[in-house]
């Protein structure tokens, strides 16, 4: 079992190092990275949009206050725009992210209001979603700057995440005997 843990931890460490290298590219070359990120976002938006349209349709049949279809159509359209105009990806990514934040926050406000009288902190949730709408508007007003910032921030997040993974795997490697013992006790 020790060799299995070694293979797993070595694989995760190797993947984490690759992720750090990828993140450095995002930070050092945000313009180039935006092109690749834009393609990924386009595919994601289209897939997510189709899913939301389906969920919205099902929710409507069950009288659930969720308007996923509106978000879904917007996401599909934005995904198509991103895929069709790769030279304008930085602007579209900024606009897409801004609209995504605004539309999802409006939808969340609908859900928040429906929680009125249930004991849920719906007022706090509504206020937070209004703040989120303001953030979405700020992103819409500065789409290219927001896109470059998003790319650099993503790179920083990936580095932190990968370093945490490496530390976790080193800890697992150092404690493999205790981990193996705990697993064997659960199996018995």
N, C-alpha and C. Protein backbone atom coordinates (compact mmCIF):
# COMPACT_ATOMS: atom_id res chain seq x y z
N UNK A 1 0.83 -1.19 0.00
CA UNK A 1 0.00 0.00 0.00
C UNK A 1 0.87 1.25 0.00
N UNK A 2 2.07 1.15 0.60
CA UNK A 2 2.97 2.28 0.66
C UNK A 2 3.36 2.75 -0.74
N UNK A 3 3.57 1.81 -1.66
CA UNK A 3 3.94 2.20 -3.02
C UNK A 3 2.80 2.93 -3.72
N UNK A 4 1.57 2.55 -3.40
CA UNK A 4 0.43 3.25 -3.99
C UNK A 4 0.42 4.70 -3.53
N UNK A 5 0.60 4.91 -2.22
CA UNK A 5 0.63 6.28 -1.71
C UNK A 5 1.79 7.07 -2.30
N UNK A 6 2.93 6.42 -2.46
CA UNK A 6 4.08 7.10 -3.07
C UNK A 6 3.78 7.51 -4.50
N UNK A 7 3.15 6.62 -5.26
CA UNK A 7 2.81 6.95 -6.65
C UNK A 7 1.81 8.10 -6.70
N UNK A 8 0.80 8.04 -5.83
CA UNK A 8 -0.21 9.11 -5.80
C UNK A 8 0.43 10.44 -5.41
N UNK A 9 1.18 10.44 -4.33
CA UNK A 9 1.78 11.70 -3.87
C UNK A 9 2.78 12.24 -4.89
N UNK A 10 3.57 11.38 -5.50
CA UNK A 10 4.51 11.84 -6.53
C UNK A 10 3.78 12.42 -7.73
N UNK A 11 2.68 11.81 -8.11
CA UNK A 11 1.89 12.32 -9.24
C UNK A 11 1.30 13.68 -8.92
N UNK A 12 0.75 13.81 -7.72
CA UNK A 12 0.15 15.11 -7.34
C UNK A 12 1.21 16.18 -7.25
N UNK A 13 2.36 15.84 -6.71
CA UNK A 13 3.46 16.82 -6.64
C UNK A 13 3.89 17.23 -8.05
N UNK A 14 4.04 16.28 -8.94
CA UNK A 14 4.43 16.59 -10.32
C UNK A 14 3.39 17.48 -11.01
N UNK A 15 2.11 17.13 -10.84
CA UNK A 15 1.05 17.95 -11.43
C UNK A 15 1.01 19.34 -10.81
N UNK A 16 1.29 19.44 -9.53
CA UNK A 16 1.31 20.74 -8.87
C UNK A 16 2.46 21.61 -9.38
N UNK A 17 3.61 20.99 -9.62
CA UNK A 17 4.73 21.74 -10.19
C UNK A 17 4.37 22.23 -11.59
N UNK A 18 3.73 21.37 -12.40
CA UNK A 18 3.28 21.81 -13.73
C UNK A 18 2.27 22.95 -13.62
N UNK A 19 1.39 22.86 -12.65
CA UNK A 19 0.40 23.93 -12.45
C UNK A 19 1.09 25.24 -12.07
N UNK A 20 2.14 25.15 -11.27
CA UNK A 20 2.89 26.37 -10.92
C UNK A 20 3.54 26.98 -12.17
N UNK A 21 4.11 26.13 -13.02
CA UNK A 21 4.70 26.62 -14.27
C UNK A 21 3.63 27.29 -15.15
N UNK A 22 2.47 26.65 -15.24
CA UNK A 22 1.34 27.22 -15.99
C UNK A 22 0.95 28.57 -15.40
N UNK A 23 0.89 28.66 -14.09
CA UNK A 23 0.51 29.89 -13.42
C UNK A 23 1.52 31.00 -13.68
N UNK A 24 2.80 30.65 -13.71
CA UNK A 24 3.83 31.65 -14.02
C UNK A 24 3.62 32.20 -15.43
N UNK A 25 3.25 31.34 -16.37
CA UNK A 25 2.94 31.81 -17.73
C UNK A 25 1.76 32.77 -17.70
N UNK A 26 0.73 32.45 -16.91
CA UNK A 26 -0.43 33.35 -16.80
C UNK A 26 -0.01 34.72 -16.29
N UNK A 27 0.89 34.72 -15.32
CA UNK A 27 1.31 35.99 -14.72
C UNK A 27 2.26 36.76 -15.64
N UNK A 28 3.22 36.08 -16.24
CA UNK A 28 4.23 36.75 -17.07
C UNK A 28 3.68 37.14 -18.44
N UNK A 29 2.81 36.30 -19.00
CA UNK A 29 2.24 36.57 -20.33
C UNK A 29 0.71 36.63 -20.27
N UNK A 30 0.15 37.62 -19.61
CA UNK A 30 -1.32 37.64 -19.46
C UNK A 30 -2.06 37.81 -20.79
N UNK A 31 -1.47 38.53 -21.74
CA UNK A 31 -2.12 38.71 -23.04
C UNK A 31 -2.28 37.40 -23.79
N UNK A 32 -1.19 36.65 -23.90
CA UNK A 32 -1.23 35.34 -24.55
C UNK A 32 -2.15 34.40 -23.79
N UNK A 33 -2.05 34.46 -22.47
CA UNK A 33 -2.87 33.59 -21.64
C UNK A 33 -4.35 33.88 -21.81
N UNK A 34 -4.69 35.14 -22.07
CA UNK A 34 -6.09 35.51 -22.27
C UNK A 34 -6.68 34.80 -23.47
N UNK A 35 -5.88 34.62 -24.51
CA UNK A 35 -6.37 33.92 -25.69
C UNK A 35 -6.76 32.49 -25.33
N UNK A 36 -5.86 31.79 -24.64
CA UNK A 36 -6.17 30.41 -24.22
C UNK A 36 -7.31 30.40 -23.22
N UNK A 37 -7.27 31.30 -22.27
CA UNK A 37 -8.33 31.38 -21.27
C UNK A 37 -9.67 31.69 -21.93
N UNK A 38 -9.64 32.55 -22.92
CA UNK A 38 -10.88 32.90 -23.63
C UNK A 38 -11.51 31.70 -24.30
N UNK A 39 -10.70 30.85 -24.89
CA UNK A 39 -11.23 29.64 -25.53
C UNK A 39 -11.85 28.71 -24.50
N UNK A 40 -11.18 28.56 -23.37
CA UNK A 40 -11.72 27.71 -22.30
C UNK A 40 -13.02 28.31 -21.76
N UNK A 41 -13.03 29.62 -21.57
CA UNK A 41 -14.23 30.28 -21.05
C UNK A 41 -15.38 30.15 -22.04
N UNK A 42 -15.09 30.24 -23.34
CA UNK A 42 -16.14 30.10 -24.34
C UNK A 42 -16.81 28.73 -24.26
N UNK A 43 -16.00 27.69 -24.19
CA UNK A 43 -16.55 26.33 -24.08
C UNK A 43 -17.35 26.19 -22.78
N UNK A 44 -16.77 26.70 -21.69
CA UNK A 44 -17.46 26.63 -20.40
C UNK A 44 -18.80 27.36 -20.45
N UNK A 45 -18.81 28.58 -20.99
CA UNK A 45 -20.05 29.35 -21.04
C UNK A 45 -21.14 28.64 -21.84
N UNK A 46 -20.77 28.06 -22.95
CA UNK A 46 -21.76 27.36 -23.77
C UNK A 46 -22.30 26.14 -23.02
N UNK A 47 -21.42 25.34 -22.44
CA UNK A 47 -21.86 24.15 -21.70
C UNK A 47 -22.68 24.54 -20.47
N UNK A 48 -22.20 25.53 -19.76
CA UNK A 48 -22.91 25.99 -18.56
C UNK A 48 -24.27 26.58 -18.93
N UNK A 49 -24.29 27.33 -20.02
CA UNK A 49 -25.55 27.93 -20.48
C UNK A 49 -26.59 26.89 -20.84
N UNK A 50 -26.18 25.87 -21.56
CA UNK A 50 -27.11 24.80 -21.94
C UNK A 50 -27.64 24.11 -20.67
N UNK A 51 -26.75 23.88 -19.71
CA UNK A 51 -27.16 23.26 -18.45
C UNK A 51 -28.17 24.14 -17.72
N UNK A 52 -27.90 25.44 -17.66
CA UNK A 52 -28.82 26.34 -16.96
C UNK A 52 -30.17 26.45 -17.65
N UNK A 53 -30.18 26.40 -18.97
CA UNK A 53 -31.45 26.42 -19.70
C UNK A 53 -32.27 25.20 -19.30
N UNK A 54 -31.63 24.06 -19.27
CA UNK A 54 -32.31 22.82 -18.89
C UNK A 54 -32.80 22.89 -17.44
N UNK A 55 -31.93 23.34 -16.51
CA UNK A 55 -32.33 23.45 -15.11
C UNK A 55 -33.46 24.46 -14.94
N UNK A 56 -33.36 25.57 -15.65
CA UNK A 56 -34.42 26.58 -15.58
C UNK A 56 -35.76 26.04 -16.06
N UNK A 57 -35.71 25.24 -17.11
CA UNK A 57 -36.92 24.62 -17.63
C UNK A 57 -37.53 23.68 -16.59
N UNK A 58 -36.67 22.85 -15.99
CA UNK A 58 -37.16 21.90 -14.97
C UNK A 58 -37.67 22.65 -13.73
N UNK A 59 -36.95 23.70 -13.32
CA UNK A 59 -37.36 24.48 -12.14
C UNK A 59 -38.71 25.14 -12.36
N UNK A 60 -38.92 25.64 -13.56
CA UNK A 60 -40.19 26.31 -13.87
C UNK A 60 -41.36 25.34 -13.76
N UNK A 61 -41.15 24.12 -14.21
CA UNK A 61 -42.20 23.10 -14.11
C UNK A 61 -42.55 22.79 -12.65
N UNK A 62 -41.56 22.94 -11.75
CA UNK A 62 -41.77 22.64 -10.34
C UNK A 62 -42.08 23.89 -9.51
N UNK A 63 -42.26 25.03 -10.19
CA UNK A 63 -42.57 26.31 -9.54
C UNK A 63 -41.47 26.76 -8.58
N UNK A 64 -40.24 26.44 -8.93
CA UNK A 64 -39.08 26.87 -8.13
C UNK A 64 -38.66 28.23 -8.66
N UNK A 65 -38.42 29.22 -7.76
CA UNK A 65 -38.09 30.58 -8.22
C UNK A 65 -36.65 30.68 -8.71
N UNK A 66 -36.37 30.06 -9.82
CA UNK A 66 -35.03 30.10 -10.39
C UNK A 66 -35.17 30.29 -11.88
N UNK A 67 -34.55 31.36 -12.38
CA UNK A 67 -34.66 31.66 -13.81
C UNK A 67 -33.35 31.34 -14.52
N UNK A 68 -33.01 30.06 -14.54
CA UNK A 68 -31.77 29.63 -15.16
C UNK A 68 -31.76 29.80 -16.67
N UNK A 69 -32.95 29.79 -17.27
CA UNK A 69 -33.01 29.91 -18.73
C UNK A 69 -32.47 31.26 -19.19
N UNK A 70 -32.80 32.33 -18.48
CA UNK A 70 -32.32 33.66 -18.85
C UNK A 70 -30.79 33.69 -18.79
N UNK A 71 -30.21 33.18 -17.70
CA UNK A 71 -28.77 33.11 -17.59
C UNK A 71 -28.19 32.21 -18.67
N UNK A 72 -28.83 31.07 -18.90
CA UNK A 72 -28.34 30.11 -19.86
C UNK A 72 -28.23 30.67 -21.26
N UNK A 73 -29.26 31.35 -21.71
CA UNK A 73 -29.24 31.96 -23.05
C UNK A 73 -28.12 32.98 -23.14
N UNK A 74 -27.97 33.80 -22.09
CA UNK A 74 -26.91 34.81 -22.08
C UNK A 74 -25.54 34.13 -22.15
N UNK A 75 -25.34 33.07 -21.37
CA UNK A 75 -24.05 32.38 -21.36
C UNK A 75 -23.75 31.75 -22.72
N UNK A 76 -24.74 31.14 -23.35
CA UNK A 76 -24.52 30.53 -24.67
C UNK A 76 -24.13 31.61 -25.68
N UNK A 77 -24.85 32.72 -25.67
CA UNK A 77 -24.54 33.81 -26.61
C UNK A 77 -23.14 34.37 -26.36
N UNK A 78 -22.79 34.59 -25.11
CA UNK A 78 -21.45 35.10 -24.81
C UNK A 78 -20.37 34.09 -25.19
N UNK A 79 -20.64 32.81 -24.98
CA UNK A 79 -19.69 31.78 -25.37
C UNK A 79 -19.46 31.76 -26.87
N UNK A 80 -20.53 31.91 -27.62
CA UNK A 80 -20.41 31.95 -29.09
C UNK A 80 -19.62 33.18 -29.52
N UNK A 81 -19.89 34.33 -28.90
CA UNK A 81 -19.14 35.56 -29.22
C UNK A 81 -17.65 35.38 -28.93
N UNK A 82 -17.34 34.77 -27.80
CA UNK A 82 -15.93 34.54 -27.46
C UNK A 82 -15.26 33.62 -28.47
N UNK A 83 -15.95 32.58 -28.87
CA UNK A 83 -15.37 31.63 -29.83
C UNK A 83 -15.21 32.25 -31.21
N UNK A 84 -16.11 33.14 -31.60
CA UNK A 84 -16.12 33.71 -32.95
C UNK A 84 -15.12 34.86 -33.13
N UNK A 85 -14.76 35.55 -32.05
CA UNK A 85 -13.90 36.73 -32.18
C UNK A 85 -12.67 36.63 -31.28
N UNK A 86 -11.73 35.76 -31.63
CA UNK A 86 -10.58 35.57 -30.73
C UNK A 86 -9.71 36.82 -30.57
N UNK A 87 -9.72 37.73 -31.55
CA UNK A 87 -8.89 38.94 -31.42
C UNK A 87 -9.44 39.92 -30.40
N UNK A 88 -10.69 39.74 -29.99
CA UNK A 88 -11.30 40.64 -29.01
C UNK A 88 -11.57 39.95 -27.68
N UNK A 89 -10.84 38.90 -27.41
CA UNK A 89 -11.13 38.08 -26.23
C UNK A 89 -11.02 38.85 -24.92
N UNK A 90 -10.03 39.72 -24.80
CA UNK A 90 -9.86 40.44 -23.53
C UNK A 90 -11.10 41.26 -23.21
N UNK A 91 -11.65 41.92 -24.22
CA UNK A 91 -12.86 42.72 -24.01
C UNK A 91 -14.03 41.81 -23.69
N UNK A 92 -14.18 40.75 -24.47
CA UNK A 92 -15.31 39.84 -24.25
C UNK A 92 -15.24 39.12 -22.91
N UNK A 93 -14.03 38.76 -22.50
CA UNK A 93 -13.90 38.10 -21.20
C UNK A 93 -14.33 39.05 -20.10
N UNK A 94 -13.87 40.29 -20.16
CA UNK A 94 -14.27 41.27 -19.17
C UNK A 94 -15.77 41.50 -19.17
N UNK A 95 -16.35 41.64 -20.37
CA UNK A 95 -17.80 41.83 -20.48
C UNK A 95 -18.53 40.58 -20.00
N UNK A 96 -18.03 39.41 -20.38
CA UNK A 96 -18.67 38.15 -19.97
C UNK A 96 -18.68 38.00 -18.46
N UNK A 97 -17.53 38.25 -17.85
CA UNK A 97 -17.44 38.11 -16.40
C UNK A 97 -18.34 39.14 -15.72
N UNK A 98 -18.33 40.37 -16.22
CA UNK A 98 -19.18 41.41 -15.64
C UNK A 98 -20.66 41.06 -15.75
N UNK A 99 -21.09 40.64 -16.94
CA UNK A 99 -22.50 40.26 -17.13
C UNK A 99 -22.85 39.02 -16.31
N UNK A 100 -21.92 38.07 -16.25
CA UNK A 100 -22.15 36.86 -15.46
C UNK A 100 -22.40 37.22 -13.99
N UNK A 101 -21.56 38.10 -13.45
CA UNK A 101 -21.73 38.51 -12.05
C UNK A 101 -23.07 39.21 -11.86
N UNK A 102 -23.42 40.12 -12.76
CA UNK A 102 -24.66 40.88 -12.63
C UNK A 102 -25.88 39.97 -12.75
N UNK A 103 -25.92 39.16 -13.80
CA UNK A 103 -27.10 38.31 -14.04
C UNK A 103 -27.27 37.27 -12.92
N UNK A 104 -26.17 36.65 -12.51
CA UNK A 104 -26.30 35.64 -11.45
C UNK A 104 -26.70 36.29 -10.13
N UNK A 105 -26.23 37.52 -9.87
CA UNK A 105 -26.61 38.21 -8.64
C UNK A 105 -28.09 38.61 -8.66
N UNK A 106 -28.58 39.03 -9.82
CA UNK A 106 -30.01 39.34 -9.93
C UNK A 106 -30.84 38.09 -9.68
N UNK A 107 -30.41 36.99 -10.25
CA UNK A 107 -31.12 35.73 -10.03
C UNK A 107 -31.07 35.33 -8.55
N UNK A 108 -29.93 35.54 -7.91
CA UNK A 108 -29.80 35.22 -6.50
C UNK A 108 -30.69 36.11 -5.63
N UNK A 109 -30.87 37.36 -6.04
CA UNK A 109 -31.78 38.25 -5.29
C UNK A 109 -33.20 37.71 -5.34
N UNK A 110 -33.61 37.17 -6.49
CA UNK A 110 -34.94 36.56 -6.59
C UNK A 110 -35.08 35.42 -5.58
N UNK A 111 -34.04 34.62 -5.49
CA UNK A 111 -34.06 33.50 -4.54
C UNK A 111 -34.05 34.02 -3.11
N UNK A 112 -33.23 35.05 -2.85
CA UNK A 112 -33.15 35.63 -1.51
C UNK A 112 -34.52 36.12 -1.03
N UNK A 113 -35.21 36.84 -1.90
CA UNK A 113 -36.52 37.39 -1.53
C UNK A 113 -37.51 36.27 -1.26
N UNK A 114 -37.39 35.17 -1.98
CA UNK A 114 -38.31 34.05 -1.74
C UNK A 114 -38.05 33.38 -0.38
N UNK A 115 -36.89 33.66 0.22
CA UNK A 115 -36.58 33.11 1.53
C UNK A 115 -37.12 33.97 2.68
N UNK A 116 -37.74 35.09 2.33
CA UNK A 116 -38.30 35.98 3.35
C UNK A 116 -39.30 35.20 4.21
N UNK A 117 -39.15 35.31 5.51
CA UNK A 117 -40.06 34.64 6.44
C UNK A 117 -39.64 33.22 6.80
N UNK A 118 -38.50 32.75 6.25
CA UNK A 118 -38.06 31.38 6.54
C UNK A 118 -37.03 31.33 7.66
N UNK A 119 -36.57 32.47 8.11
CA UNK A 119 -35.52 32.50 9.12
C UNK A 119 -34.13 32.62 8.51
N UNK A 120 -34.04 32.49 7.21
CA UNK A 120 -32.75 32.65 6.53
C UNK A 120 -32.37 34.13 6.51
N UNK A 121 -31.09 34.44 6.51
CA UNK A 121 -30.66 35.85 6.50
C UNK A 121 -30.81 36.48 5.11
N UNK A 122 -32.04 36.54 4.63
CA UNK A 122 -32.29 36.97 3.25
C UNK A 122 -31.90 38.42 3.01
N UNK A 123 -32.01 39.29 4.03
CA UNK A 123 -31.64 40.70 3.85
C UNK A 123 -30.13 40.80 3.63
N UNK A 124 -29.37 40.10 4.47
CA UNK A 124 -27.91 40.10 4.32
C UNK A 124 -27.52 39.54 2.95
N UNK A 125 -28.16 38.45 2.56
CA UNK A 125 -27.86 37.83 1.26
C UNK A 125 -28.18 38.80 0.12
N UNK A 126 -29.28 39.53 0.25
CA UNK A 126 -29.67 40.50 -0.78
C UNK A 126 -28.65 41.63 -0.86
N UNK A 127 -28.23 42.14 0.30
CA UNK A 127 -27.23 43.22 0.33
C UNK A 127 -25.93 42.75 -0.32
N UNK A 128 -25.50 41.54 0.01
CA UNK A 128 -24.27 41.00 -0.60
C UNK A 128 -24.41 40.87 -2.11
N UNK A 129 -25.58 40.48 -2.58
CA UNK A 129 -25.79 40.37 -4.03
C UNK A 129 -25.85 41.73 -4.70
N UNK A 130 -26.32 42.75 -3.99
CA UNK A 130 -26.30 44.11 -4.55
C UNK A 130 -24.85 44.58 -4.67
N UNK A 131 -24.03 44.29 -3.65
CA UNK A 131 -22.60 44.61 -3.73
C UNK A 131 -21.97 43.87 -4.91
N UNK A 132 -22.37 42.63 -5.12
CA UNK A 132 -21.87 41.84 -6.24
C UNK A 132 -22.26 42.47 -7.58
N UNK A 133 -23.46 43.03 -7.66
CA UNK A 133 -23.89 43.71 -8.89
C UNK A 133 -22.99 44.92 -9.14
N UNK A 134 -22.66 45.67 -8.10
CA UNK A 134 -21.77 46.83 -8.24
C UNK A 134 -20.40 46.39 -8.76
N UNK A 135 -19.90 45.27 -8.24
CA UNK A 135 -18.62 44.72 -8.71
C UNK A 135 -18.74 44.35 -10.19
N UNK A 136 -19.86 43.73 -10.58
CA UNK A 136 -20.09 43.38 -11.97
C UNK A 136 -20.09 44.59 -12.88
N UNK A 137 -20.69 45.68 -12.43
CA UNK A 137 -20.71 46.92 -13.21
C UNK A 137 -19.28 47.46 -13.35
N UNK A 138 -18.51 47.41 -12.27
CA UNK A 138 -17.12 47.88 -12.32
C UNK A 138 -16.32 47.07 -13.34
N UNK A 139 -16.53 45.76 -13.37
CA UNK A 139 -15.85 44.91 -14.35
C UNK A 139 -16.29 45.28 -15.76
N UNK A 140 -17.59 45.55 -15.95
CA UNK A 140 -18.09 45.93 -17.27
C UNK A 140 -17.49 47.25 -17.76
N UNK A 141 -17.24 48.18 -16.86
CA UNK A 141 -16.71 49.48 -17.24
C UNK A 141 -15.22 49.43 -17.60
N UNK A 142 -14.51 48.40 -17.14
CA UNK A 142 -13.08 48.25 -17.44
C UNK A 142 -12.78 46.82 -17.88
N UNK A 143 -13.33 46.39 -19.03
CA UNK A 143 -13.22 44.98 -19.40
C UNK A 143 -11.80 44.49 -19.67
N UNK A 144 -10.97 45.27 -20.34
CA UNK A 144 -9.61 44.79 -20.66
C UNK A 144 -8.77 44.73 -19.38
N UNK A 145 -8.83 45.79 -18.57
CA UNK A 145 -8.09 45.79 -17.32
C UNK A 145 -8.56 44.65 -16.42
N UNK A 146 -9.87 44.42 -16.40
CA UNK A 146 -10.41 43.32 -15.59
C UNK A 146 -9.92 41.97 -16.09
N UNK A 147 -9.83 41.82 -17.41
CA UNK A 147 -9.37 40.55 -17.99
C UNK A 147 -7.91 40.28 -17.66
N UNK A 148 -7.07 41.29 -17.80
CA UNK A 148 -5.65 41.13 -17.47
C UNK A 148 -5.50 40.85 -15.98
N UNK A 149 -6.23 41.59 -15.16
CA UNK A 149 -6.19 41.38 -13.71
C UNK A 149 -6.66 39.97 -13.36
N UNK A 150 -7.71 39.52 -14.03
CA UNK A 150 -8.24 38.18 -13.80
C UNK A 150 -7.20 37.12 -14.13
N UNK A 151 -6.49 37.31 -15.23
CA UNK A 151 -5.48 36.35 -15.64
C UNK A 151 -4.33 36.29 -14.63
N UNK A 152 -3.86 37.45 -14.20
CA UNK A 152 -2.77 37.50 -13.21
C UNK A 152 -3.25 36.93 -11.88
N UNK A 153 -4.47 37.30 -11.46
CA UNK A 153 -5.01 36.78 -10.19
C UNK A 153 -5.16 35.26 -10.25
N UNK A 154 -5.63 34.76 -11.38
CA UNK A 154 -5.77 33.31 -11.55
C UNK A 154 -4.41 32.63 -11.41
N UNK A 155 -3.40 33.21 -12.00
CA UNK A 155 -2.05 32.66 -11.86
C UNK A 155 -1.61 32.61 -10.41
N UNK A 156 -1.86 33.68 -9.67
CA UNK A 156 -1.49 33.72 -8.24
C UNK A 156 -2.25 32.67 -7.45
N UNK A 157 -3.55 32.52 -7.72
CA UNK A 157 -4.36 31.53 -7.02
C UNK A 157 -3.86 30.12 -7.32
N UNK A 158 -3.53 29.85 -8.57
CA UNK A 158 -3.03 28.52 -8.94
C UNK A 158 -1.71 28.23 -8.23
N UNK A 159 -0.84 29.21 -8.12
CA UNK A 159 0.43 29.00 -7.42
C UNK A 159 0.17 28.64 -5.96
N UNK A 160 -0.66 29.43 -5.28
CA UNK A 160 -0.95 29.15 -3.86
C UNK A 160 -1.58 27.77 -3.72
N UNK A 161 -2.55 27.46 -4.56
CA UNK A 161 -3.23 26.17 -4.51
C UNK A 161 -2.23 25.02 -4.73
N UNK A 162 -1.35 25.17 -5.67
CA UNK A 162 -0.38 24.12 -5.98
C UNK A 162 0.64 23.94 -4.86
N UNK A 163 1.09 25.03 -4.27
CA UNK A 163 2.03 24.93 -3.16
C UNK A 163 1.36 24.20 -1.99
N UNK A 164 0.09 24.51 -1.73
CA UNK A 164 -0.65 23.81 -0.67
C UNK A 164 -0.73 22.32 -0.97
N UNK A 165 -0.99 21.96 -2.23
CA UNK A 165 -1.02 20.55 -2.62
C UNK A 165 0.32 19.87 -2.40
N UNK A 166 1.39 20.55 -2.76
CA UNK A 166 2.72 19.97 -2.57
C UNK A 166 2.98 19.74 -1.08
N UNK A 167 2.65 20.71 -0.25
CA UNK A 167 2.84 20.57 1.19
C UNK A 167 2.01 19.41 1.72
N UNK A 168 0.76 19.30 1.28
CA UNK A 168 -0.10 18.19 1.70
C UNK A 168 0.50 16.84 1.31
N UNK A 169 0.99 16.73 0.10
CA UNK A 169 1.53 15.45 -0.36
C UNK A 169 2.83 15.10 0.37
N UNK A 170 3.65 16.09 0.67
CA UNK A 170 4.86 15.83 1.45
C UNK A 170 4.47 15.33 2.84
N UNK A 171 3.43 15.93 3.41
CA UNK A 171 2.94 15.48 4.72
C UNK A 171 2.42 14.06 4.66
N UNK A 172 1.69 13.73 3.58
CA UNK A 172 1.19 12.37 3.42
C UNK A 172 2.36 11.40 3.30
N UNK A 173 3.37 11.75 2.52
CA UNK A 173 4.54 10.87 2.36
C UNK A 173 5.24 10.62 3.69
N UNK A 174 5.31 11.66 4.51
CA UNK A 174 5.98 11.51 5.81
C UNK A 174 5.15 10.68 6.79
N UNK A 175 3.85 10.64 6.59
CA UNK A 175 2.96 9.95 7.53
C UNK A 175 2.24 8.78 6.88
N UNK A 176 2.85 8.19 5.87
CA UNK A 176 2.20 7.13 5.12
C UNK A 176 1.89 5.91 5.99
N UNK A 177 2.75 5.61 6.94
CA UNK A 177 2.48 4.45 7.81
C UNK A 177 1.23 4.68 8.66
N UNK A 178 1.10 5.87 9.23
CA UNK A 178 -0.09 6.18 10.04
C UNK A 178 -1.36 6.20 9.18
N UNK A 179 -1.23 6.73 7.97
CA UNK A 179 -2.37 6.77 7.05
C UNK A 179 -2.78 5.36 6.65
N UNK A 180 -1.80 4.54 6.35
CA UNK A 180 -2.07 3.13 5.98
C UNK A 180 -2.76 2.40 7.13
N UNK A 181 -2.30 2.63 8.33
CA UNK A 181 -2.87 2.00 9.52
C UNK A 181 -4.34 2.44 9.71
N UNK A 182 -4.61 3.73 9.54
CA UNK A 182 -5.98 4.24 9.68
C UNK A 182 -6.91 3.65 8.63
N UNK A 183 -6.42 3.50 7.41
CA UNK A 183 -7.23 2.91 6.34
C UNK A 183 -7.52 1.45 6.63
N UNK A 184 -6.50 0.73 7.08
CA UNK A 184 -6.69 -0.70 7.37
C UNK A 184 -7.69 -0.90 8.51
N UNK A 185 -7.69 -0.01 9.50
CA UNK A 185 -8.64 -0.11 10.59
C UNK A 185 -10.08 0.12 10.10
N UNK A 186 -10.24 1.02 9.14
CA UNK A 186 -11.58 1.26 8.59
C UNK A 186 -12.08 0.09 7.75
N UNK A 187 -11.14 -0.58 7.09
CA UNK A 187 -11.51 -1.72 6.24
C UNK A 187 -11.97 -2.89 7.11
N UNK A 188 -11.35 -3.09 8.22
CA UNK A 188 -11.66 -4.24 9.09
C UNK A 188 -12.94 -4.05 9.76
